């Protein structure tokens, strides 16, 4: 259980000034978080992890090596090219 004194100590350690309303608010919020962890602790240990809700193992196509585009084909529509490369603007 988190108390208002704990919140004050945490705010002092983190060098954050809190108003009385903020201290009350954070005390409630931190206790809610701890209560939720207690709920999670009640879950059975033998539940398998869920990686995907549909159970799909692989939705990708097979990786097949194919011939790529030629250098001339890649440079075909380039506005500027030089010695077989794309030519960009000079940046100084």
PDB file of N, CA and C in Angstrom:
ATOM      1  N   UNK A   1       0.843  -1.179   0.000  1.00  0.00           N
ATOM      2  CA  UNK A   1       0.000   0.000   0.000  1.00  0.00           C
ATOM      3  C   UNK A   1       0.893   1.248   0.000  1.00  0.00           C
ATOM      4  N   UNK A   2       0.649   2.124  -0.959  1.00  0.00           N
ATOM      5  CA  UNK A   2       1.387   3.377  -1.071  1.00  0.00           C
ATOM      6  C   UNK A   2       0.660   4.437  -0.235  1.00  0.00           C
ATOM      7  N   UNK A   3       1.412   5.127   0.585  1.00  0.00           N
ATOM      8  CA  UNK A   3       0.836   6.190   1.403  1.00  0.00           C
ATOM      9  C   UNK A   3       1.222   7.548   0.839  1.00  0.00           C
ATOM     10  N   UNK A   4       0.564   8.559   1.353  1.00  0.00           N
ATOM     11  CA  UNK A   4       0.874   9.922   0.939  1.00  0.00           C
ATOM     12  C   UNK A   4       2.320  10.266   1.287  1.00  0.00           C
ATOM     13  N   UNK A   5       2.800   9.727   2.393  1.00  0.00           N
ATOM     14  CA  UNK A   5       4.186   9.957   2.806  1.00  0.00           C
ATOM     15  C   UNK A   5       5.158   9.354   1.786  1.00  0.00           C
ATOM     16  N   UNK A   6       4.816   8.173   1.233  1.00  0.00           N
ATOM     17  CA  UNK A   6       5.650   7.568   0.186  1.00  0.00           C
ATOM     18  C   UNK A   6       5.709   8.463  -1.052  1.00  0.00           C
ATOM     19  N   UNK A   7       4.567   9.002  -1.445  1.00  0.00           N
ATOM     20  CA  UNK A   7       4.521   9.884  -2.618  1.00  0.00           C
ATOM     21  C   UNK A   7       5.351  11.138  -2.358  1.00  0.00           C
ATOM     22  N   UNK A   8       5.261  11.682  -1.169  1.00  0.00           N
ATOM     23  CA  UNK A   8       6.075  12.854  -0.824  1.00  0.00           C
ATOM     24  C   UNK A   8       7.559  12.530  -0.912  1.00  0.00           C
ATOM     25  N   UNK A   9       7.936  11.357  -0.441  1.00  0.00           N
ATOM     26  CA  UNK A   9       9.346  10.956  -0.497  1.00  0.00           C
ATOM     27  C   UNK A   9       9.804  10.779  -1.949  1.00  0.00           C
ATOM     28  N   UNK A  10       8.985  10.161  -2.764  1.00  0.00           N
ATOM     29  CA  UNK A  10       9.327   9.968  -4.177  1.00  0.00           C
ATOM     30  C   UNK A  10       9.457  11.317  -4.874  1.00  0.00           C
ATOM     31  N   UNK A  11       8.541  12.231  -4.575  1.00  0.00           N
ATOM     32  CA  UNK A  11       8.624  13.555  -5.208  1.00  0.00           C
ATOM     33  C   UNK A  11       9.874  14.304  -4.732  1.00  0.00           C
ATOM     34  N   UNK A  12      10.260  14.118  -3.470  1.00  0.00           N
ATOM     35  CA  UNK A  12      11.484  14.751  -2.968  1.00  0.00           C
ATOM     36  C   UNK A  12      12.709  14.177  -3.669  1.00  0.00           C
ATOM     37  N   UNK A  13      12.734  12.840  -3.859  1.00  0.00           N
ATOM     38  CA  UNK A  13      13.868  12.210  -4.539  1.00  0.00           C
ATOM     39  C   UNK A  13      13.982  12.670  -5.985  1.00  0.00           C
ATOM     40  N   UNK A  14      12.843  12.864  -6.634  1.00  0.00           N
ATOM     41  CA  UNK A  14      12.872  13.264  -8.039  1.00  0.00           C
ATOM     42  C   UNK A  14      12.873  14.779  -8.227  1.00  0.00           C
ATOM     43  N   UNK A  15      12.914  15.514  -7.124  1.00  0.00           N
ATOM     44  CA  UNK A  15      12.968  16.979  -7.147  1.00  0.00           C
ATOM     45  C   UNK A  15      11.759  17.582  -7.856  1.00  0.00           C
ATOM     46  N   UNK A  16      10.578  17.018  -7.577  1.00  0.00           N
ATOM     47  CA  UNK A  16       9.335  17.503  -8.160  1.00  0.00           C
ATOM     48  C   UNK A  16       8.448  18.011  -7.029  1.00  0.00           C
ATOM     49  N   UNK A  17       7.989  19.241  -7.155  1.00  0.00           N
ATOM     50  CA  UNK A  17       7.083  19.792  -6.158  1.00  0.00           C
ATOM     51  C   UNK A  17       5.654  19.423  -6.539  1.00  0.00           C
ATOM     52  N   UNK A  18       4.937  18.842  -5.579  1.00  0.00           N
ATOM     53  CA  UNK A  18       3.562  18.430  -5.819  1.00  0.00           C
ATOM     54  C   UNK A  18       2.630  19.199  -4.889  1.00  0.00           C
ATOM     55  N   UNK A  19       1.448  19.520  -5.405  1.00  0.00           N
ATOM     56  CA  UNK A  19       0.428  20.120  -4.562  1.00  0.00           C
ATOM     57  C   UNK A  19      -0.251  19.019  -3.760  1.00  0.00           C
ATOM     58  N   UNK A  20      -1.072  19.407  -2.799  1.00  0.00           N
ATOM     59  CA  UNK A  20      -1.779  18.411  -1.985  1.00  0.00           C
ATOM     60  C   UNK A  20      -2.730  17.580  -2.841  1.00  0.00           C
ATOM     61  N   UNK A  21      -3.383  18.222  -3.816  1.00  0.00           N
ATOM     62  CA  UNK A  21      -4.290  17.478  -4.714  1.00  0.00           C
ATOM     63  C   UNK A  21      -3.513  16.451  -5.536  1.00  0.00           C
ATOM     64  N   UNK A  22      -2.338  16.841  -6.019  1.00  0.00           N
ATOM     65  CA  UNK A  22      -1.519  15.914  -6.813  1.00  0.00           C
ATOM     66  C   UNK A  22      -1.034  14.753  -5.960  1.00  0.00           C
ATOM     67  N   UNK A  23      -0.679  15.016  -4.716  1.00  0.00           N
ATOM     68  CA  UNK A  23      -0.241  13.937  -3.824  1.00  0.00           C
ATOM     69  C   UNK A  23      -1.364  12.930  -3.618  1.00  0.00           C
ATOM     70  N   UNK A  24      -2.576  13.417  -3.402  1.00  0.00           N
ATOM     71  CA  UNK A  24      -3.729  12.519  -3.248  1.00  0.00           C
ATOM     72  C   UNK A  24      -3.987  11.736  -4.531  1.00  0.00           C
ATOM     73  N   UNK A  25      -3.916  12.443  -5.646  1.00  0.00           N
ATOM     74  CA  UNK A  25      -4.167  11.810  -6.949  1.00  0.00           C
ATOM     75  C   UNK A  25      -3.152  10.705  -7.223  1.00  0.00           C
ATOM     76  N   UNK A  26      -1.863  11.000  -7.020  1.00  0.00           N
ATOM     77  CA  UNK A  26      -0.823  10.013  -7.299  1.00  0.00           C
ATOM     78  C   UNK A  26      -0.870   8.848  -6.317  1.00  0.00           C
ATOM     79  N   UNK A  27      -1.267   9.107  -5.085  1.00  0.00           N
ATOM     80  CA  UNK A  27      -1.409   8.025  -4.108  1.00  0.00           C
ATOM     81  C   UNK A  27      -2.473   7.039  -4.584  1.00  0.00           C
ATOM     82  N   UNK A  28      -3.620   7.560  -5.044  1.00  0.00           N
ATOM     83  CA  UNK A  28      -4.694   6.693  -5.559  1.00  0.00           C
ATOM     84  C   UNK A  28      -4.243   5.942  -6.812  1.00  0.00           C
ATOM     85  N   UNK A  29      -3.581   6.647  -7.721  1.00  0.00           N
ATOM     86  CA  UNK A  29      -3.156   6.013  -8.969  1.00  0.00           C
ATOM     87  C   UNK A  29      -2.121   4.918  -8.732  1.00  0.00           C
ATOM     88  N   UNK A  30      -1.165   5.170  -7.870  1.00  0.00           N
ATOM     89  CA  UNK A  30      -0.140   4.153  -7.598  1.00  0.00           C
ATOM     90  C   UNK A  30      -0.737   2.946  -6.889  1.00  0.00           C
ATOM     91  N   UNK A  31      -1.682   3.169  -6.002  1.00  0.00           N
ATOM     92  CA  UNK A  31      -2.355   2.041  -5.351  1.00  0.00           C
ATOM     93  C   UNK A  31      -3.183   1.243  -6.348  1.00  0.00           C
ATOM     94  N   UNK A  32      -3.795   1.924  -7.301  1.00  0.00           N
ATOM     95  CA  UNK A  32      -4.551   1.229  -8.343  1.00  0.00           C
ATOM     96  C   UNK A  32      -3.619   0.334  -9.165  1.00  0.00           C
ATOM     97  N   UNK A  33      -2.450   0.839  -9.492  1.00  0.00           N
ATOM     98  CA  UNK A  33      -1.477   0.053 -10.261  1.00  0.00           C
ATOM     99  C   UNK A  33      -1.046  -1.187  -9.475  1.00  0.00           C
ATOM    100  N   UNK A  34      -0.774  -1.010  -8.195  1.00  0.00           N
ATOM    101  CA  UNK A  34      -0.372  -2.159  -7.370  1.00  0.00           C
ATOM    102  C   UNK A  34      -1.509  -3.175  -7.247  1.00  0.00           C
ATOM    103  N   UNK A  35      -2.748  -2.707  -7.134  1.00  0.00           N
ATOM    104  CA  UNK A  35      -3.904  -3.615  -7.091  1.00  0.00           C
ATOM    105  C   UNK A  35      -4.013  -4.404  -8.392  1.00  0.00           C
ATOM    106  N   UNK A  36      -3.725  -3.756  -9.505  1.00  0.00           N
ATOM    107  CA  UNK A  36      -3.787  -4.449 -10.781  1.00  0.00           C
ATOM    108  C   UNK A  36      -2.725  -5.540 -10.869  1.00  0.00           C
ATOM    109  N   UNK A  37      -1.538  -5.288 -10.331  1.00  0.00           N
ATOM    110  CA  UNK A  37      -0.504  -6.320 -10.312  1.00  0.00           C
ATOM    111  C   UNK A  37      -0.947  -7.516  -9.472  1.00  0.00           C
ATOM    112  N   UNK A  38      -1.667  -7.276  -8.406  1.00  0.00           N
ATOM    113  CA  UNK A  38      -2.198  -8.379  -7.607  1.00  0.00           C
ATOM    114  C   UNK A  38      -3.183  -9.199  -8.421  1.00  0.00           C
ATOM    115  N   UNK A  39      -3.984  -8.535  -9.239  1.00  0.00           N
ATOM    116  CA  UNK A  39      -4.917  -9.241 -10.114  1.00  0.00           C
ATOM    117  C   UNK A  39      -4.150 -10.099 -11.119  1.00  0.00           C
ATOM    118  N   UNK A  40      -3.067  -9.559 -11.663  1.00  0.00           N
ATOM    119  CA  UNK A  40      -2.270 -10.326 -12.619  1.00  0.00           C
ATOM    120  C   UNK A  40      -1.601 -11.526 -11.954  1.00  0.00           C
ATOM    121  N   UNK A  41      -1.262 -11.411 -10.696  1.00  0.00           N
ATOM    122  CA  UNK A  41      -0.653 -12.535  -9.975  1.00  0.00           C
ATOM    123  C   UNK A  41      -1.619 -13.697  -9.807  1.00  0.00           C
ATOM    124  N   UNK A  42      -2.931 -13.455  -9.906  1.00  0.00           N
ATOM    125  CA  UNK A  42      -3.927 -14.506  -9.752  1.00  0.00           C
ATOM    126  C   UNK A  42      -4.091 -15.359 -11.006  1.00  0.00           C
ATOM    127  N   UNK A  43      -3.503 -14.947 -12.116  1.00  0.00           N
ATOM    128  CA  UNK A  43      -3.614 -15.689 -13.366  1.00  0.00           C
ATOM    129  C   UNK A  43      -2.881 -17.015 -13.223  1.00  0.00           C
ATOM    130  N   UNK A  44      -3.472 -18.051 -13.810  1.00  0.00           N
ATOM    131  CA  UNK A  44      -2.854 -19.375 -13.737  1.00  0.00           C
ATOM    132  C   UNK A  44      -1.507 -19.369 -14.452  1.00  0.00           C
ATOM    133  N   UNK A  45      -0.568 -20.113 -13.913  1.00  0.00           N
ATOM    134  CA  UNK A  45       0.791 -20.109 -14.444  1.00  0.00           C
ATOM    135  C   UNK A  45       0.921 -20.911 -15.736  1.00  0.00           C
ATOM    136  N   UNK A  46      -0.003 -21.840 -16.008  1.00  0.00           N
ATOM    137  CA  UNK A  46       0.138 -22.712 -17.179  1.00  0.00           C
ATOM    138  C   UNK A  46      -0.566 -22.168 -18.425  1.00  0.00           C
ATOM    139  N   UNK A  47      -0.900 -20.896 -18.450  1.00  0.00           N
ATOM    140  CA  UNK A  47      -1.529 -20.297 -19.622  1.00  0.00           C
ATOM    141  C   UNK A  47      -0.451 -20.024 -20.658  1.00  0.00           C
ATOM    142  N   UNK A  48      -0.606 -20.546 -21.871  1.00  0.00           N
ATOM    143  CA  UNK A  48       0.429 -20.312 -22.890  1.00  0.00           C
ATOM    144  C   UNK A  48       0.420 -18.850 -23.337  1.00  0.00           C
ATOM    145  N   UNK A  49       1.578 -18.314 -23.674  1.00  0.00           N
ATOM    146  CA  UNK A  49       1.633 -16.921 -24.126  1.00  0.00           C
ATOM    147  C   UNK A  49       0.949 -16.761 -25.477  1.00  0.00           C
ATOM    148  N   UNK A  50       0.342 -15.617 -25.693  1.00  0.00           N
ATOM    149  CA  UNK A  50      -0.344 -15.327 -26.946  1.00  0.00           C
ATOM    150  C   UNK A  50       0.538 -14.402 -27.771  1.00  0.00           C
ATOM    151  N   UNK A  51       1.014 -14.926 -28.889  1.00  0.00           N
ATOM    152  CA  UNK A  51       1.840 -14.113 -29.770  1.00  0.00           C
ATOM    153  C   UNK A  51       0.990 -13.442 -30.834  1.00  0.00           C
ATOM    154  N   UNK A  52      -0.100 -14.098 -31.211  1.00  0.00           N
ATOM    155  CA  UNK A  52      -1.002 -13.558 -32.217  1.00  0.00           C
ATOM    156  C   UNK A  52      -2.383 -14.102 -31.927  1.00  0.00           C
ATOM    157  N   UNK A  53      -3.394 -13.276 -32.028  1.00  0.00           N
ATOM    158  CA  UNK A  53      -4.738 -13.714 -31.642  1.00  0.00           C
ATOM    159  C   UNK A  53      -5.323 -14.755 -32.588  1.00  0.00           C
ATOM    160  N   UNK A  54      -4.852 -14.816 -33.834  1.00  0.00           N
ATOM    161  CA  UNK A  54      -5.401 -15.764 -34.791  1.00  0.00           C
ATOM    162  C   UNK A  54      -4.598 -17.050 -34.899  1.00  0.00           C
ATOM    163  N   UNK A  55      -3.491 -17.132 -34.263  1.00  0.00           N
ATOM    164  CA  UNK A  55      -2.685 -18.343 -34.329  1.00  0.00           C
ATOM    165  C   UNK A  55      -1.971 -18.533 -35.649  1.00  0.00           C
ATOM    166  N   UNK A  56      -1.791 -17.470 -36.413  1.00  0.00           N
ATOM    167  CA  UNK A  56      -1.097 -17.562 -37.694  1.00  0.00           C
ATOM    168  C   UNK A  56       0.396 -17.650 -37.418  1.00  0.00           C
ATOM    169  N   UNK A  57       1.051 -18.625 -38.023  1.00  0.00           N
ATOM    170  CA  UNK A  57       2.468 -18.800 -37.753  1.00  0.00           C
ATOM    171  C   UNK A  57       3.352 -18.014 -38.710  1.00  0.00           C
ATOM    172  N   UNK A  58       3.017 -17.962 -39.998  1.00  0.00           N
ATOM    173  CA  UNK A  58       3.831 -17.229 -40.951  1.00  0.00           C
ATOM    174  C   UNK A  58       2.936 -16.733 -42.073  1.00  0.00           C
ATOM    175  N   UNK A  59       2.852 -15.437 -42.217  1.00  0.00           N
ATOM    176  CA  UNK A  59       2.004 -14.859 -43.249  1.00  0.00           C
ATOM    177  C   UNK A  59       2.838 -14.298 -44.398  1.00  0.00           C
ATOM    178  N   UNK A  60       4.131 -14.562 -44.394  1.00  0.00           N
ATOM    179  CA  UNK A  60       5.009 -14.052 -45.426  1.00  0.00           C
ATOM    180  C   UNK A  60       5.202 -15.085 -46.533  1.00  0.00           C
ATOM    181  N   UNK A  61       5.502 -14.595 -47.705  1.00  0.00           N
ATOM    182  CA  UNK A  61       5.783 -15.492 -48.824  1.00  0.00           C
ATOM    183  C   UNK A  61       7.181 -16.087 -48.653  1.00  0.00           C
ATOM    184  N   UNK A  62       7.451 -17.150 -49.358  1.00  0.00           N
ATOM    185  CA  UNK A  62       8.790 -17.736 -49.330  1.00  0.00           C
ATOM    186  C   UNK A  62       9.783 -16.766 -49.965  1.00  0.00           C
ATOM    187  N   UNK A  63      10.962 -16.708 -49.401  1.00  0.00           N
ATOM    188  CA  UNK A  63      12.004 -15.839 -49.911  1.00  0.00           C
ATOM    189  C   UNK A  63      12.692 -16.546 -51.071  1.00  0.00           C
ATOM    190  N   UNK A  64      12.483 -16.004 -52.256  1.00  0.00           N
ATOM    191  CA  UNK A  64      13.043 -16.605 -53.458  1.00  0.00           C
ATOM    192  C   UNK A  64      13.990 -15.597 -54.106  1.00  0.00           C
ATOM    193  N   UNK A  65      15.196 -16.034 -54.411  1.00  0.00           N
ATOM    194  CA  UNK A  65      16.167 -15.152 -55.062  1.00  0.00           C
ATOM    195  C   UNK A  65      15.777 -14.937 -56.508  1.00  0.00           C
ATOM    196  N   UNK A  66      15.770 -13.671 -56.927  1.00  0.00           N
ATOM    197  CA  UNK A  66      15.438 -13.317 -58.311  1.00  0.00           C
ATOM    198  C   UNK A  66      16.506 -12.369 -58.833  1.00  0.00           C
ATOM    199  N   UNK A  67      16.580 -12.265 -60.133  1.00  0.00           N
ATOM    200  CA  UNK A  67      17.523 -11.340 -60.746  1.00  0.00           C
ATOM    201  C   UNK A  67      17.024  -9.922 -60.510  1.00  0.00           C
ATOM    202  N   UNK A  68      17.929  -9.039 -60.104  1.00  0.00           N
ATOM    203  CA  UNK A  68      17.544  -7.657 -59.830  1.00  0.00           C
ATOM    204  C   UNK A  68      17.689  -6.808 -61.082  1.00  0.00           C
ATOM    205  N   UNK A  69      17.285  -5.565 -60.964  1.00  0.00           N
ATOM    206  CA  UNK A  69      17.359  -4.634 -62.084  1.00  0.00           C
ATOM    207  C   UNK A  69      18.826  -4.321 -62.402  1.00  0.00           C
ATOM    208  N   UNK A  70      19.102  -4.090 -63.652  1.00  0.00           N
ATOM    209  CA  UNK A  70      20.492  -3.785 -64.052  1.00  0.00           C
ATOM    210  C   UNK A  70      20.835  -2.352 -63.683  1.00  0.00           C
ATOM    211  N   UNK A  71      22.130  -2.053 -63.698  1.00  0.00           N
ATOM    212  CA  UNK A  71      22.581  -0.706 -63.377  1.00  0.00           C
ATOM    213  C   UNK A  71      22.047   0.291 -64.400  1.00  0.00           C
ATOM    214  N   UNK A  72      22.054  -0.093 -65.652  1.00  0.00           N
ATOM    215  CA  UNK A  72      21.546   0.786 -66.703  1.00  0.00           C
ATOM    216  C   UNK A  72      20.056   1.036 -66.535  1.00  0.00           C
ATOM    217  N   UNK A  73      19.318   0.003 -66.142  1.00  0.00           N
ATOM    218  CA  UNK A  73      17.876   0.153 -65.932  1.00  0.00           C
ATOM    219  C   UNK A  73      17.555   1.056 -64.756  1.00  0.00           C
ATOM    220  N   UNK A  74      18.361   0.966 -63.701  1.00  0.00           N
ATOM    221  CA  UNK A  74      18.140   1.811 -62.535  1.00  0.00           C
ATOM    222  C   UNK A  74      18.429   3.270 -62.847  1.00  0.00           C
ATOM    223  N   UNK A  75      19.436   3.519 -63.684  1.00  0.00           N
ATOM    224  CA  UNK A  75      19.826   4.882 -64.015  1.00  0.00           C
ATOM    225  C   UNK A  75      19.054   5.453 -65.194  1.00  0.00           C
ATOM    226  N   UNK A  76      18.185   4.668 -65.789  1.00  0.00           N
ATOM    227  CA  UNK A  76      17.492   5.059 -67.007  1.00  0.00           C
ATOM    228  C   UNK A  76      16.725   6.381 -66.862  1.00  0.00           C
ATOM    229  N   UNK A  77      16.014   6.589 -65.775  1.00  0.00           N
ATOM    230  CA  UNK A  77      15.201   7.794 -65.592  1.00  0.00           C
ATOM    231  C   UNK A  77      15.833   8.796 -64.630  1.00  0.00           C
ATOM    232  N   UNK A  78      17.085   8.610 -64.279  1.00  0.00           N
ATOM    233  CA  UNK A  78      17.746   9.528 -63.358  1.00  0.00           C
ATOM    234  C   UNK A  78      17.976  10.869 -64.038  1.00  0.00           C
ATOM    235  N   UNK A  79      17.647  11.984 -63.363  1.00  0.00           N
ATOM    236  CA  UNK A  79      17.869  13.286 -63.996  1.00  0.00           C
ATOM    237  C   UNK A  79      19.351  13.599 -64.181  1.00  0.00           C
ATOM    238  N   UNK A  80      20.193  13.154 -63.249  1.00  0.00           N
ATOM    239  CA  UNK A  80      21.634  13.373 -63.369  1.00  0.00           C
ATOM    240  C   UNK A  80      22.344  12.084 -62.991  1.00  0.00           C
ATOM    241  N   UNK A  81      23.317  11.707 -63.805  1.00  0.00           N
ATOM    242  CA  UNK A  81      24.114  10.517 -63.520  1.00  0.00           C
ATOM    243  C   UNK A  81      25.538  10.777 -63.970  1.00  0.00           C
ATOM    244  N   UNK A  82      26.458  10.094 -63.319  1.00  0.00           N
ATOM    245  CA  UNK A  82      27.861  10.289 -63.657  1.00  0.00           C
ATOM    246  C   UNK A  82      28.614   8.991 -63.374  1.00  0.00           C
ATOM    247  N   UNK A  83      29.323   8.478 -64.356  1.00  0.00           N
ATOM    248  CA  UNK A  83      30.148   7.277 -64.254  1.00  0.00           C
ATOM    249  C   UNK A  83      29.395   6.090 -63.644  1.00  0.00           C
ATOM    250  N   UNK A  84      28.136   5.922 -64.007  1.00  0.00           N
ATOM    251  CA  UNK A  84      27.371   4.767 -63.556  1.00  0.00           C
ATOM    252  C   UNK A  84      26.714   4.929 -62.191  1.00  0.00           C
ATOM    253  N   UNK A  85      26.649   6.150 -61.658  1.00  0.00           N
ATOM    254  CA  UNK A  85      26.044   6.415 -60.347  1.00  0.00           C
ATOM    255  C   UNK A  85      25.046   7.557 -60.456  1.00  0.00           C
ATOM    256  N   UNK A  86      24.124   7.627 -59.492  1.00  0.00           N
ATOM    257  CA  UNK A  86      23.252   8.793 -59.388  1.00  0.00           C
ATOM    258  C   UNK A  86      24.097   9.967 -58.939  1.00  0.00           C
ATOM    259  N   UNK A  87      23.828  11.144 -59.530  1.00  0.00           N
ATOM    260  CA  UNK A  87      24.568  12.333 -59.131  1.00  0.00           C
ATOM    261  C   UNK A  87      23.594  13.257 -58.407  1.00  0.00           C
ATOM    262  N   UNK A  88      23.975  13.615 -57.169  1.00  0.00           N
ATOM    263  CA  UNK A  88      23.149  14.515 -56.383  1.00  0.00           C
ATOM    264  C   UNK A  88      23.777  15.869 -56.291  1.00  0.00           C
ATOM    265  N   UNK A  89      23.049  16.817 -55.693  1.00  0.00           N
ATOM    266  CA  UNK A  89      23.611  18.161 -55.567  1.00  0.00           C
ATOM    267  C   UNK A  89      24.766  18.186 -54.578  1.00  0.00           C
ATOM    268  N   UNK A  90      25.696  19.088 -54.814  1.00  0.00           N
ATOM    269  CA  UNK A  90      26.848  19.229 -53.917  1.00  0.00           C
ATOM    270  C   UNK A  90      26.379  19.892 -52.625  1.00  0.00           C
ATOM    271  N   UNK A  91      26.786  19.321 -51.521  1.00  0.00           N
ATOM    272  CA  UNK A  91      26.457  19.879 -50.209  1.00  0.00           C
ATOM    273  C   UNK A  91      27.750  20.239 -49.537  1.00  0.00           C
ATOM    274  N   UNK A  92      27.889  21.521 -49.223  1.00  0.00           N
ATOM    275  CA  UNK A  92      29.138  21.993 -48.621  1.00  0.00           C
ATOM    276  C   UNK A  92      28.872  22.428 -47.214  1.00  0.00           C
TER     277      UNK A  92
END
